[in-house]
């Protein structure tokens, strides 16, 4: 979330649960020789639970997290390629 340091960012209410989980997962990136390769999905159910979100929301949150992860990976790859 370093790109937004000191700036406000609007998150729509429908996206708030996924944002909370994505933010809580910030230390759960898997990495390889070329940088981040994706989030560790093995801890995702525990993180959703620890964020206090209902079990019934896991499927939609997982879908949202995957979209956020894909965009984050694209941004990280672009930053890496522009060095």
Protein backbone atom coordinates (compact mmCIF):
# COMPACT_ATOMS: atom_id res chain seq x y z
CA UNK A 1 0.00 0.00 0.00
CA UNK A 2 3.05 2.22 -0.24
CA UNK A 3 1.74 3.90 -3.38
CA UNK A 4 -1.04 5.54 -1.38
CA UNK A 5 0.93 6.72 1.62
CA UNK A 6 -0.55 9.99 2.81
CA UNK A 7 -3.39 9.88 0.28
CA UNK A 8 -7.03 8.98 0.65
CA UNK A 9 -8.42 6.19 -1.46
CA UNK A 10 -12.13 5.49 -1.82
CA UNK A 11 -13.22 1.88 -1.40
CA UNK A 12 -16.82 1.11 -2.31
CA UNK A 13 -18.80 -0.61 0.47
CA UNK A 14 -19.28 -3.76 -1.65
CA UNK A 15 -15.49 -4.07 -1.96
CA UNK A 16 -14.67 -3.33 1.68
CA UNK A 17 -14.56 -6.96 2.93
CA UNK A 18 -12.14 -7.99 0.15
CA UNK A 19 -10.03 -4.88 0.77
CA UNK A 20 -9.77 -5.70 4.49
CA UNK A 21 -8.60 -9.24 3.66
CA UNK A 22 -6.20 -8.09 0.92
CA UNK A 23 -4.64 -5.58 3.31
CA UNK A 24 -4.33 -8.25 6.01
CA UNK A 25 -2.60 -10.55 3.50
CA UNK A 26 0.19 -8.03 2.76
CA UNK A 27 2.81 -10.26 4.40
CA UNK A 28 1.59 -13.40 2.62
CA UNK A 29 3.11 -12.90 -0.84
CA UNK A 30 5.04 -15.84 -2.27
CA UNK A 31 8.20 -14.87 -4.05
CA UNK A 32 10.58 -16.27 -6.59
CA UNK A 33 13.71 -15.17 -8.39
CA UNK A 34 11.76 -12.54 -10.32
CA UNK A 35 9.79 -11.20 -7.37
CA UNK A 36 6.27 -11.87 -6.12
CA UNK A 37 4.47 -14.80 -7.73
CA UNK A 38 1.15 -14.60 -5.88
CA UNK A 39 -0.53 -14.76 -2.52
CA UNK A 40 -0.36 -17.79 -0.23
CA UNK A 41 -3.92 -19.10 -0.54
CA UNK A 42 -3.27 -21.62 2.22
CA UNK A 43 -3.69 -18.93 4.86
CA UNK A 44 -6.61 -17.14 3.19
CA UNK A 45 -9.43 -18.94 5.08
CA UNK A 46 -7.73 -18.15 8.39
CA UNK A 47 -7.24 -14.51 7.43
CA UNK A 48 -10.90 -14.19 6.40
CA UNK A 49 -11.91 -15.69 9.76
CA UNK A 50 -9.54 -13.42 11.72
CA UNK A 51 -10.98 -10.40 9.89
CA UNK A 52 -14.36 -11.36 11.36
CA UNK A 53 -16.04 -12.02 8.03
CA UNK A 54 -18.73 -14.69 7.72
CA UNK A 55 -17.84 -18.05 6.21
CA UNK A 56 -20.57 -17.58 3.61
CA UNK A 57 -18.65 -14.67 2.09
CA UNK A 58 -15.46 -16.66 1.42
CA UNK A 59 -16.26 -17.51 -2.19
CA UNK A 60 -16.96 -13.92 -3.26
CA UNK A 61 -14.00 -12.60 -1.27
CA UNK A 62 -11.72 -15.20 -2.90
CA UNK A 63 -12.85 -14.06 -6.34
CA UNK A 64 -12.24 -10.40 -5.44
CA UNK A 65 -8.84 -11.20 -3.90
CA UNK A 66 -7.76 -12.99 -7.09
CA UNK A 67 -8.65 -9.92 -9.16
CA UNK A 68 -6.77 -7.62 -6.79
CA UNK A 69 -3.80 -10.02 -6.76
CA UNK A 70 -3.66 -10.11 -10.57
CA UNK A 71 -3.63 -6.31 -10.78
CA UNK A 72 -1.00 -6.04 -8.03
CA UNK A 73 1.20 -8.58 -9.84
CA UNK A 74 0.84 -6.62 -13.08
CA UNK A 75 1.84 -3.37 -11.35
CA UNK A 76 4.82 -5.05 -9.63
CA UNK A 77 5.95 -6.55 -12.96
CA UNK A 78 5.70 -3.17 -14.66
CA UNK A 79 7.71 -1.51 -11.90
CA UNK A 80 10.32 -4.27 -12.08
CA UNK A 81 10.58 -3.98 -15.87
CA UNK A 82 10.97 -0.20 -15.73
CA UNK A 83 14.03 -0.28 -13.47
